[in-house]
Amino acid sequence: MANFVKAADAGEVAPGTGKCVTVNGKEIALFNVGGVFHAIDNTCLHRGGPLGEGELDGTTVTCPWHGWQYNVTTGRNIMDESEGVDRYEVKVEGGAVLIAV
């Protein structure tokens, strides 16, 4: 069974935005897509850019360093779906966003 850990309050991540959070020492990018939260590794595969600081357009985040794009619902790279970052299960309870780590 997954161990869910509080990563943020739901109000801290507005719809259409992302945030970098640390959960159990791991950097995770947390996104709010129309009120549904998604979490992926924060580190871009290209040069290690912070995905949580990238621009979110629908379900696609663009790395702020060199423009690599990822689907935040799957962690898959938009240009090469054979590559991707880890994705984490997310749930919201009592206004807290919890991530399984």
PDB file of N, CA and C in Angstrom:
ATOM      1  N   MET A   1       0.834  -1.185   0.000  1.00  0.00           N
ATOM      2  CA  MET A   1       0.000   0.000   0.000  1.00  0.00           C
ATOM      3  C   MET A   1       0.881   1.252   0.000  1.00  0.00           C
ATOM      4  N   ALA A   2       0.464   2.241  -0.771  1.00  0.00           N
ATOM      5  CA  ALA A   2       1.233   3.471  -0.901  1.00  0.00           C
ATOM      6  C   ALA A   2       1.173   4.287   0.383  1.00  0.00           C
ATOM      7  N   ASN A   3       2.263   4.953   0.671  1.00  0.00           N
ATOM      8  CA  ASN A   3       2.344   5.842   1.821  1.00  0.00           C
ATOM      9  C   ASN A   3       2.142   7.280   1.331  1.00  0.00           C
ATOM     10  N   PHE A   4       0.983   7.855   1.630  1.00  0.00           N
ATOM     11  CA  PHE A   4       0.685   9.217   1.195  1.00  0.00           C
ATOM     12  C   PHE A   4       1.215  10.217   2.214  1.00  0.00           C
ATOM     13  N   VAL A   5       1.869  11.266   1.695  1.00  0.00           N
ATOM     14  CA  VAL A   5       2.471  12.305   2.527  1.00  0.00           C
ATOM     15  C   VAL A   5       1.950  13.660   2.059  1.00  0.00           C
ATOM     16  N   LYS A   6       1.640  14.536   3.017  1.00  0.00           N
ATOM     17  CA  LYS A   6       1.168  15.876   2.651  1.00  0.00           C
ATOM     18  C   LYS A   6       2.277  16.639   1.943  1.00  0.00           C
ATOM     19  N   ALA A   7       1.915  17.192   0.770  1.00  0.00           N
ATOM     20  CA  ALA A   7       2.871  17.956  -0.018  1.00  0.00           C
ATOM     21  C   ALA A   7       2.555  19.447  -0.014  1.00  0.00           C
ATOM     22  N   ALA A   8       1.260  19.777   0.103  1.00  0.00           N
ATOM     23  CA  ALA A   8       0.845  21.179   0.041  1.00  0.00           C
ATOM     24  C   ALA A   8      -0.618  21.275   0.453  1.00  0.00           C
ATOM     25  N   ASP A   9      -1.067  22.494   0.691  1.00  0.00           N
ATOM     26  CA  ASP A   9      -2.489  22.749   0.837  1.00  0.00           C
ATOM     27  C   ASP A   9      -3.037  22.984  -0.569  1.00  0.00           C
ATOM     28  N   ALA A  10      -4.227  22.509  -0.830  1.00  0.00           N
ATOM     29  CA  ALA A  10      -4.797  22.631  -2.178  1.00  0.00           C
ATOM     30  C   ALA A  10      -4.821  24.076  -2.663  1.00  0.00           C
ATOM     31  N   GLY A  11      -5.058  25.034  -1.773  1.00  0.00           N
ATOM     32  CA  GLY A  11      -5.113  26.440  -2.154  1.00  0.00           C
ATOM     33  C   GLY A  11      -3.779  27.041  -2.549  1.00  0.00           C
ATOM     34  N   GLU A  12      -2.681  26.337  -2.278  1.00  0.00           N
ATOM     35  CA  GLU A  12      -1.349  26.851  -2.615  1.00  0.00           C
ATOM     36  C   GLU A  12      -1.020  26.723  -4.100  1.00  0.00           C
ATOM     37  N   VAL A  13      -1.757  25.859  -4.811  1.00  0.00           N
ATOM     38  CA  VAL A  13      -1.469  25.624  -6.234  1.00  0.00           C
ATOM     39  C   VAL A  13      -2.745  25.934  -7.021  1.00  0.00           C
ATOM     40  N   ALA A  14      -2.793  27.133  -7.596  1.00  0.00           N
ATOM     41  CA  ALA A  14      -3.976  27.567  -8.348  1.00  0.00           C
ATOM     42  C   ALA A  14      -4.134  26.749  -9.621  1.00  0.00           C
ATOM     43  N   PRO A  15      -5.372  26.610 -10.114  1.00  0.00           N
ATOM     44  CA  PRO A  15      -5.570  25.900 -11.388  1.00  0.00           C
ATOM     45  C   PRO A  15      -4.703  26.512 -12.490  1.00  0.00           C
ATOM     46  N   GLY A  16      -4.089  25.643 -13.281  1.00  0.00           N
ATOM     47  CA  GLY A  16      -3.245  26.096 -14.389  1.00  0.00           C
ATOM     48  C   GLY A  16      -1.824  26.420 -13.996  1.00  0.00           C
ATOM     49  N   THR A  17      -1.443  26.054 -12.756  1.00  0.00           N
ATOM     50  CA  THR A  17      -0.082  26.342 -12.297  1.00  0.00           C
ATOM     51  C   THR A  17       0.566  25.100 -11.697  1.00  0.00           C
ATOM     52  N   GLY A  18       1.852  25.231 -11.434  1.00  0.00           N
ATOM     53  CA  GLY A  18       2.607  24.166 -10.792  1.00  0.00           C
ATOM     54  C   GLY A  18       3.432  24.716  -9.654  1.00  0.00           C
ATOM     55  N   LYS A  19       3.993  23.802  -8.880  1.00  0.00           N
ATOM     56  CA  LYS A  19       4.798  24.189  -7.728  1.00  0.00           C
ATOM     57  C   LYS A  19       5.802  23.077  -7.464  1.00  0.00           C
ATOM     58  N   CYS A  20       6.996  23.459  -7.065  1.00  0.00           N
ATOM     59  CA  CYS A  20       8.010  22.487  -6.635  1.00  0.00           C
ATOM     60  C   CYS A  20       7.777  22.196  -5.164  1.00  0.00           C
ATOM     61  N   VAL A  21       7.709  20.918  -4.808  1.00  0.00           N
ATOM     62  CA  VAL A  21       7.544  20.510  -3.415  1.00  0.00           C
ATOM     63  C   VAL A  21       8.580  19.439  -3.101  1.00  0.00           C
ATOM     64  N   THR A  22       8.901  19.308  -1.822  1.00  0.00           N
ATOM     65  CA  THR A  22       9.813  18.259  -1.383  1.00  0.00           C
ATOM     66  C   THR A  22       9.028  17.310  -0.487  1.00  0.00           C
ATOM     67  N   VAL A  23       9.038  16.037  -0.846  1.00  0.00           N
ATOM     68  CA  VAL A  23       8.333  15.017  -0.089  1.00  0.00           C
ATOM     69  C   VAL A  23       9.322  13.907   0.241  1.00  0.00           C
ATOM     70  N   ASN A  24       9.540  13.697   1.525  1.00  0.00           N
ATOM     71  CA  ASN A  24      10.505  12.684   1.978  1.00  0.00           C
ATOM     72  C   ASN A  24      11.866  12.845   1.294  1.00  0.00           C
ATOM     73  N   GLY A  25      12.315  14.107   1.136  1.00  0.00           N
ATOM     74  CA  GLY A  25      13.608  14.392   0.551  1.00  0.00           C
ATOM     75  C   GLY A  25      13.655  14.346  -0.969  1.00  0.00           C
ATOM     76  N   LYS A  26      12.522  14.090  -1.620  1.00  0.00           N
ATOM     77  CA  LYS A  26      12.467  13.997  -3.077  1.00  0.00           C
ATOM     78  C   LYS A  26      11.794  15.240  -3.651  1.00  0.00           C
ATOM     79  N   GLU A  27      12.428  15.844  -4.669  1.00  0.00           N
ATOM     80  CA  GLU A  27      11.871  17.014  -5.350  1.00  0.00           C
ATOM     81  C   GLU A  27      10.803  16.547  -6.343  1.00  0.00           C
ATOM     82  N   ILE A  28       9.585  17.074  -6.169  1.00  0.00           N
ATOM     83  CA  ILE A  28       8.448  16.683  -6.992  1.00  0.00           C
ATOM     84  C   ILE A  28       7.787  17.940  -7.541  1.00  0.00           C
ATOM     85  N   ALA A  29       7.324  17.858  -8.793  1.00  0.00           N
ATOM     86  CA  ALA A  29       6.576  18.942  -9.419  1.00  0.00           C
ATOM     87  C   ALA A  29       5.090  18.618  -9.269  1.00  0.00           C
ATOM     88  N   LEU A  30       4.360  19.508  -8.621  1.00  0.00           N
ATOM     89  CA  LEU A  30       2.935  19.329  -8.365  1.00  0.00           C
ATOM     90  C   LEU A  30       2.163  20.319  -9.231  1.00  0.00           C
ATOM     91  N   PHE A  31       1.164  19.818  -9.965  1.00  0.00           N
ATOM     92  CA  PHE A  31       0.395  20.656 -10.892  1.00  0.00           C
ATOM     93  C   PHE A  31      -1.093  20.555 -10.606  1.00  0.00           C
ATOM     94  N   ASN A  32      -1.802  21.656 -10.864  1.00  0.00           N
ATOM     95  CA  ASN A  32      -3.251  21.705 -10.746  1.00  0.00           C
ATOM     96  C   ASN A  32      -3.818  21.924 -12.136  1.00  0.00           C
ATOM     97  N   VAL A  33      -4.439  20.887 -12.680  1.00  0.00           N
ATOM     98  CA  VAL A  33      -5.050  20.961 -14.009  1.00  0.00           C
ATOM     99  C   VAL A  33      -6.568  20.981 -13.807  1.00  0.00           C
ATOM    100  N   GLY A  34      -7.138  22.176 -13.816  1.00  0.00           N
ATOM    101  CA  GLY A  34      -8.577  22.313 -13.667  1.00  0.00           C
ATOM    102  C   GLY A  34      -9.131  21.726 -12.383  1.00  0.00           C
ATOM    103  N   GLY A  35      -8.377  21.828 -11.299  1.00  0.00           N
ATOM    104  CA  GLY A  35      -8.819  21.318 -10.015  1.00  0.00           C
ATOM    105  C   GLY A  35      -8.398  19.886  -9.718  1.00  0.00           C
ATOM    106  N   VAL A  36      -7.745  19.238 -10.679  1.00  0.00           N
ATOM    107  CA  VAL A  36      -7.222  17.882 -10.490  1.00  0.00           C
ATOM    108  C   VAL A  36      -5.705  17.982 -10.367  1.00  0.00           C
ATOM    109  N   PHE A  37      -5.164  17.393  -9.311  1.00  0.00           N
ATOM    110  CA  PHE A  37      -3.737  17.500  -9.044  1.00  0.00           C
ATOM    111  C   PHE A  37      -2.968  16.317  -9.637  1.00  0.00           C
ATOM    112  N   HIS A  38      -1.766  16.619 -10.152  1.00  0.00           N
ATOM    113  CA  HIS A  38      -0.872  15.626 -10.736  1.00  0.00           C
ATOM    114  C   HIS A  38       0.536  15.891 -10.218  1.00  0.00           C
ATOM    115  N   ALA A  39       1.312  14.823 -10.051  1.00  0.00           N
ATOM    116  CA  ALA A  39       2.682  14.967  -9.545  1.00  0.00           C
ATOM    117  C   ALA A  39       3.640  14.117 -10.365  1.00  0.00           C
ATOM    118  N   ILE A  40       4.763  14.739 -10.756  1.00  0.00           N
ATOM    119  CA  ILE A  40       5.817  14.054 -11.498  1.00  0.00           C
ATOM    120  C   ILE A  40       7.164  14.461 -10.904  1.00  0.00           C
ATOM    121  N   ASP A  41       8.221  13.739 -11.280  1.00  0.00           N
ATOM    122  CA  ASP A  41       9.559  14.154 -10.859  1.00  0.00           C
ATOM    123  C   ASP A  41       9.786  15.589 -11.299  1.00  0.00           C
ATOM    124  N   ASN A  42      10.464  16.356 -10.478  1.00  0.00           N
ATOM    125  CA  ASN A  42      10.714  17.765 -10.767  1.00  0.00           C
ATOM    126  C   ASN A  42      11.870  17.971 -11.740  1.00  0.00           C
ATOM    127  N   THR A  43      12.673  16.950 -11.991  1.00  0.00           N
ATOM    128  CA  THR A  43      13.904  17.106 -12.761  1.00  0.00           C
ATOM    129  C   THR A  43      13.731  16.713 -14.225  1.00  0.00           C
ATOM    130  N   CYS A  44      13.891  17.681 -15.123  1.00  0.00           N
ATOM    131  CA  CYS A  44      13.818  17.438 -16.564  1.00  0.00           C
ATOM    132  C   CYS A  44      14.944  16.491 -16.984  1.00  0.00           C
ATOM    133  N   LEU A  45      14.641  15.572 -17.880  1.00  0.00           N
ATOM    134  CA  LEU A  45      15.632  14.606 -18.346  1.00  0.00           C
ATOM    135  C   LEU A  45      16.734  15.234 -19.201  1.00  0.00           C
ATOM    136  N   HIS A  46      16.475  16.401 -19.769  1.00  0.00           N
ATOM    137  CA  HIS A  46      17.448  17.024 -20.667  1.00  0.00           C
ATOM    138  C   HIS A  46      18.666  17.558 -19.919  1.00  0.00           C
ATOM    139  N   ARG A  47      18.451  18.528 -19.063  1.00  0.00           N
ATOM    140  CA  ARG A  47      19.564  19.137 -18.329  1.00  0.00           C
ATOM    141  C   ARG A  47      19.228  19.396 -16.868  1.00  0.00           C
ATOM    142  N   GLY A  48      18.202  18.719 -16.357  1.00  0.00           N
ATOM    143  CA  GLY A  48      17.882  18.827 -14.941  1.00  0.00           C
ATOM    144  C   GLY A  48      17.083  20.040 -14.531  1.00  0.00           C
ATOM    145  N   GLY A  49      16.430  20.691 -15.481  1.00  0.00           N
ATOM    146  CA  GLY A  49      15.633  21.873 -15.157  1.00  0.00           C
ATOM    147  C   GLY A  49      14.474  21.545 -14.237  1.00  0.00           C
ATOM    148  N   PRO A  50      14.000  22.546 -13.481  1.00  0.00           N
ATOM    149  CA  PRO A  50      12.915  22.353 -12.516  1.00  0.00           C
ATOM    150  C   PRO A  50      11.535  22.409 -13.190  1.00  0.00           C
ATOM    151  N   LEU A  51      10.930  21.264 -13.437  1.00  0.00           N
ATOM    152  CA  LEU A  51       9.655  21.215 -14.145  1.00  0.00           C
ATOM    153  C   LEU A  51       8.543  21.945 -13.400  1.00  0.00           C
ATOM    154  N   GLY A  52       8.588  21.950 -12.078  1.00  0.00           N
ATOM    155  CA  GLY A  52       7.568  22.635 -11.295  1.00  0.00           C
ATOM    156  C   GLY A  52       7.567  24.139 -11.499  1.00  0.00           C
ATOM    157  N   GLU A  53       8.631  24.674 -12.071  1.00  0.00           N
ATOM    158  CA  GLU A  53       8.704  26.105 -12.375  1.00  0.00           C
ATOM    159  C   GLU A  53       8.353  26.391 -13.831  1.00  0.00           C
ATOM    160  N   GLY A  54       8.019  25.349 -14.575  1.00  0.00           N
ATOM    161  CA  GLY A  54       7.702  25.511 -15.991  1.00  0.00           C
ATOM    162  C   GLY A  54       6.294  26.038 -16.215  1.00  0.00           C
ATOM    163  N   GLU A  55       6.026  26.436 -17.456  1.00  0.00           N
ATOM    164  CA  GLU A  55       4.708  26.944 -17.829  1.00  0.00           C
ATOM    165  C   GLU A  55       3.800  25.767 -18.141  1.00  0.00           C
ATOM    166  N   LEU A  56       2.610  25.786 -17.555  1.00  0.00           N
ATOM    167  CA  LEU A  56       1.626  24.727 -17.751  1.00  0.00           C
ATOM    168  C   LEU A  56       0.583  25.191 -18.754  1.00  0.00           C
ATOM    169  N   ASP A  57       0.365  24.385 -19.797  1.00  0.00           N
ATOM    170  CA  ASP A  57      -0.648  24.664 -20.816  1.00  0.00           C
ATOM    171  C   ASP A  57      -1.492  23.408 -20.943  1.00  0.00           C
ATOM    172  N   GLY A  58      -2.667  23.423 -20.347  1.00  0.00           N
ATOM    173  CA  GLY A  58      -3.495  22.215 -20.309  1.00  0.00           C
ATOM    174  C   GLY A  58      -2.797  21.172 -19.451  1.00  0.00           C
ATOM    175  N   THR A  59      -2.437  20.035 -20.059  1.00  0.00           N
ATOM    176  CA  THR A  59      -1.728  18.980 -19.330  1.00  0.00           C
ATOM    177  C   THR A  59      -0.245  18.932 -19.691  1.00  0.00           C
ATOM    178  N   THR A  60       0.238  19.941 -20.400  1.00  0.00           N
ATOM    179  CA  THR A  60       1.628  19.963 -20.839  1.00  0.00           C
ATOM    180  C   THR A  60       2.423  21.018 -20.079  1.00  0.00           C
ATOM    181  N   VAL A  61       3.548  20.584 -19.469  1.00  0.00           N
ATOM    182  CA  VAL A  61       4.449  21.527 -18.826  1.00  0.00           C
ATOM    183  C   VAL A  61       5.690  21.657 -19.692  1.00  0.00           C
ATOM    184  N   THR A  62       6.182  22.888 -19.818  1.00  0.00           N
ATOM    185  CA  THR A  62       7.389  23.164 -20.587  1.00  0.00           C
ATOM    186  C   THR A  62       8.506  23.521 -19.614  1.00  0.00           C
ATOM    187  N   CYS A  63       9.614  22.786 -19.691  1.00  0.00           N
ATOM    188  CA  CYS A  63      10.755  23.050 -18.823  1.00  0.00           C
ATOM    189  C   CYS A  63      11.243  24.486 -19.059  1.00  0.00           C
ATOM    190  N   PRO A  64      11.449  25.241 -17.978  1.00  0.00           N
ATOM    191  CA  PRO A  64      11.858  26.640 -18.141  1.00  0.00           C
ATOM    192  C   PRO A  64      13.283  26.819 -18.660  1.00  0.00           C
ATOM    193  N   TRP A  65      14.098  25.767 -18.650  1.00  0.00           N
ATOM    194  CA  TRP A  65      15.483  25.918 -19.087  1.00  0.00           C
ATOM    195  C   TRP A  65      15.665  25.768 -20.590  1.00  0.00           C
ATOM    196  N   HIS A  66      15.133  24.707 -21.189  1.00  0.00           N
ATOM    197  CA  HIS A  66      15.398  24.463 -22.606  1.00  0.00           C
ATOM    198  C   HIS A  66      14.182  24.023 -23.406  1.00  0.00           C
ATOM    199  N   GLY A  67      12.989  24.119 -22.805  1.00  0.00           N
ATOM    200  CA  GLY A  67      11.768  23.905 -23.563  1.00  0.00           C
ATOM    201  C   GLY A  67      11.288  22.472 -23.746  1.00  0.00           C
ATOM    202  N   TRP A  68      11.903  21.509 -23.094  1.00  0.00           N
ATOM    203  CA  TRP A  68      11.382  20.150 -23.197  1.00  0.00           C
ATOM    204  C   TRP A  68       9.995  20.124 -22.574  1.00  0.00           C
ATOM    205  N   GLN A  69       9.108  19.311 -23.149  1.00  0.00           N
ATOM    206  CA  GLN A  69       7.730  19.285 -22.683  1.00  0.00           C
ATOM    207  C   GLN A  69       7.327  17.892 -22.198  1.00  0.00           C
ATOM    208  N   TYR A  70       6.498  17.884 -21.152  1.00  0.00           N
ATOM    209  CA  TYR A  70       6.033  16.637 -20.546  1.00  0.00           C
ATOM    210  C   TYR A  70       4.534  16.707 -20.299  1.00  0.00           C
ATOM    211  N   ASN A  71       3.870  15.564 -20.407  1.00  0.00           N
ATOM    212  CA  ASN A  71       2.475  15.439 -20.041  1.00  0.00           C
ATOM    213  C   ASN A  71       2.442  15.209 -18.532  1.00  0.00           C
ATOM    214  N   VAL A  72       1.817  16.097 -17.789  1.00  0.00           N
ATOM    215  CA  VAL A  72       1.843  15.992 -16.329  1.00  0.00           C
ATOM    216  C   VAL A  72       0.964  14.856 -15.815  1.00  0.00           C
ATOM    217  N   THR A  73       0.073  14.327 -16.639  1.00  0.00           N
ATOM    218  CA  THR A  73      -0.778  13.217 -16.201  1.00  0.00           C
ATOM    219  C   THR A  73      -0.074  11.873 -16.315  1.00  0.00           C
ATOM    220  N   THR A  74       0.950  11.797 -17.168  1.00  0.00           N
ATOM    221  CA  THR A  74       1.655  10.527 -17.390  1.00  0.00           C
ATOM    222  C   THR A  74       3.148  10.600 -17.095  1.00  0.00           C
ATOM    223  N   GLY A  75       3.726  11.803 -17.148  1.00  0.00           N
ATOM    224  CA  GLY A  75       5.170  11.975 -17.007  1.00  0.00           C
ATOM    225  C   GLY A  75       5.920  11.779 -18.317  1.00  0.00           C
ATOM    226  N   ARG A  76       5.226  11.413 -19.377  1.00  0.00           N
ATOM    227  CA  ARG A  76       5.858  11.133 -20.670  1.00  0.00           C
ATOM    228  C   ARG A  76       6.312  12.416 -21.358  1.00  0.00           C
ATOM    229  N   ASN A  77       7.458  12.321 -22.036  1.00  0.00           N
ATOM    230  CA  ASN A  77       7.998  13.414 -22.845  1.00  0.00           C
ATOM    231  C   ASN A  77       7.111  13.566 -24.073  1.00  0.00           C
ATOM    232  N   ILE A  78       6.722  14.786 -24.404  1.00  0.00           N
ATOM    233  CA  ILE A  78       5.817  15.036 -25.526  1.00  0.00           C
ATOM    234  C   ILE A  78       6.471  14.674 -26.864  1.00  0.00           C
ATOM    235  N   MET A  79       7.778  14.949 -27.025  1.00  0.00           N
ATOM    236  CA  MET A  79       8.446  14.700 -28.285  1.00  0.00           C
ATOM    237  C   MET A  79       8.854  13.234 -28.466  1.00  0.00           C
ATOM    238  N   ASP A  80       9.053  12.517 -27.379  1.00  0.00           N
ATOM    239  CA  ASP A  80       9.476  11.121 -27.437  1.00  0.00           C
ATOM    240  C   ASP A  80       8.835  10.369 -26.285  1.00  0.00           C
ATOM    241  N   GLU A  81       7.670   9.768 -26.534  1.00  0.00           N
ATOM    242  CA  GLU A  81       6.908   9.138 -25.459  1.00  0.00           C
ATOM    243  C   GLU A  81       7.574   7.896 -24.873  1.00  0.00           C
ATOM    244  N   SER A  82       8.696   7.473 -25.463  1.00  0.00           N
ATOM    245  CA  SER A  82       9.423   6.356 -24.857  1.00  0.00           C
ATOM    246  C   SER A  82      10.231   6.830 -23.654  1.00  0.00           C
ATOM    247  N   GLU A  83      10.365   8.160 -23.511  1.00  0.00           N
ATOM    248  CA  GLU A  83      11.078   8.758 -22.381  1.00  0.00           C
ATOM    249  C   GLU A  83      10.073   9.435 -21.461  1.00  0.00           C
ATOM    250  N   GLY A  84      10.436   9.521 -20.219  1.00  0.00           N
ATOM    251  CA  GLY A  84       9.572  10.241 -19.292  1.00  0.00           C
ATOM    252  C   GLY A  84      10.153  10.259 -17.896  1.00  0.00           C
ATOM    253  N   VAL A  85       9.499  11.019 -17.051  1.00  0.00           N
ATOM    254  CA  VAL A  85       9.875  11.102 -15.644  1.00  0.00           C
ATOM    255  C   VAL A  85       8.846  10.317 -14.836  1.00  0.00           C
ATOM    256  N   ASP A  86       9.206   9.987 -13.604  1.00  0.00           N
ATOM    257  CA  ASP A  86       8.286   9.241 -12.757  1.00  0.00           C
ATOM    258  C   ASP A  86       7.048  10.070 -12.438  1.00  0.00           C
ATOM    259  N   ARG A  87       5.946   9.387 -12.319  1.00  0.00           N
ATOM    260  CA  ARG A  87       4.660   9.978 -11.968  1.00  0.00           C
ATOM    261  C   ARG A  87       4.252   9.418 -10.613  1.00  0.00           C
ATOM    262  N   TYR A  88       3.585  10.246  -9.810  1.00  0.00           N
ATOM    263  CA  TYR A  88       3.189   9.838  -8.464  1.00  0.00           C
ATOM    264  C   TYR A  88       1.676   9.952  -8.294  1.00  0.00           C
ATOM    265  N   GLU A  89       1.110   9.031  -7.537  1.00  0.00           N
ATOM    266  CA  GLU A  89      -0.308   9.059  -7.241  1.00  0.00           C
ATOM    267  C   GLU A  89      -0.589  10.219  -6.289  1.00  0.00           C
ATOM    268  N   VAL A  90      -1.705  10.914  -6.526  1.00  0.00           N
ATOM    269  CA  VAL A  90      -2.066  12.088  -5.736  1.00  0.00           C
ATOM    270  C   VAL A  90      -3.517  11.961  -5.287  1.00  0.00           C
ATOM    271  N   LYS A  91      -3.799  12.419  -4.074  1.00  0.00           N
ATOM    272  CA  LYS A  91      -5.180  12.542  -3.620  1.00  0.00           C
ATOM    273  C   LYS A  91      -5.295  13.782  -2.742  1.00  0.00           C
ATOM    274  N   VAL A  92      -6.520  14.276  -2.617  1.00  0.00           N
ATOM    275  CA  VAL A  92      -6.791  15.460  -1.797  1.00  0.00           C
ATOM    276  C   VAL A  92      -7.728  15.032  -0.676  1.00  0.00           C
ATOM    277  N   GLU A  93      -7.321  15.338   0.542  1.00  0.00           N
ATOM    278  CA  GLU A  93      -8.149  15.037   1.715  1.00  0.00           C
ATOM    279  C   GLU A  93      -8.153  16.241   2.647  1.00  0.00           C
ATOM    280  N   GLY A  94      -9.344  16.721   2.975  1.00  0.00           N
ATOM    281  CA  GLY A  94      -9.456  17.831   3.918  1.00  0.00           C
ATOM    282  C   GLY A  94      -8.682  19.063   3.501  1.00  0.00           C
ATOM    283  N   GLY A  95      -8.578  19.320   2.190  1.00  0.00           N
ATOM    284  CA  GLY A  95      -7.862  20.493   1.712  1.00  0.00           C
ATOM    285  C   GLY A  95      -6.363  20.304   1.591  1.00  0.00           C
ATOM    286  N   ALA A  96      -5.864  19.121   1.944  1.00  0.00           N
ATOM    287  CA  ALA A  96      -4.422  18.829   1.818  1.00  0.00           C
ATOM    288  C   ALA A  96      -4.183  17.971   0.588  1.00  0.00           C
ATOM    289  N   VAL A  97      -3.133  18.304  -0.160  1.00  0.00           N
ATOM    290  CA  VAL A  97      -2.720  17.499  -1.307  1.00  0.00           C
ATOM    291  C   VAL A  97      -1.701  16.491  -0.807  1.00  0.00           C
ATOM    292  N   LEU A  98      -2.006  15.212  -1.005  1.00  0.00           N
ATOM    293  CA  LEU A  98      -1.154  14.117  -0.543  1.00  0.00           C
ATOM    294  C   LEU A  98      -0.567  13.396  -1.744  1.00  0.00           C
ATOM    295  N   ILE A  99       0.727  13.069  -1.661  1.00  0.00           N
ATOM    296  CA  ILE A  99       1.426  12.378  -2.736  1.00  0.00           C
ATOM    297  C   ILE A  99       1.959  11.060  -2.201  1.00  0.00           C
ATOM    298  N   ALA A 100       1.774  10.002  -2.989  1.00  0.00           N
ATOM    299  CA  ALA A 100       2.294   8.675  -2.609  1.00  0.00           C
ATOM    300  C   ALA A 100       3.771   8.591  -2.967  1.00  0.00           C
ATOM    301  N   VAL A 101       4.594   8.344  -1.958  1.00  0.00           N
ATOM    302  CA  VAL A 101       6.035   8.215  -2.201  1.00  0.00           C
ATOM    303  C   VAL A 101       6.551   6.904  -1.634  1.00  0.00           C
TER     304      VAL A 101
END
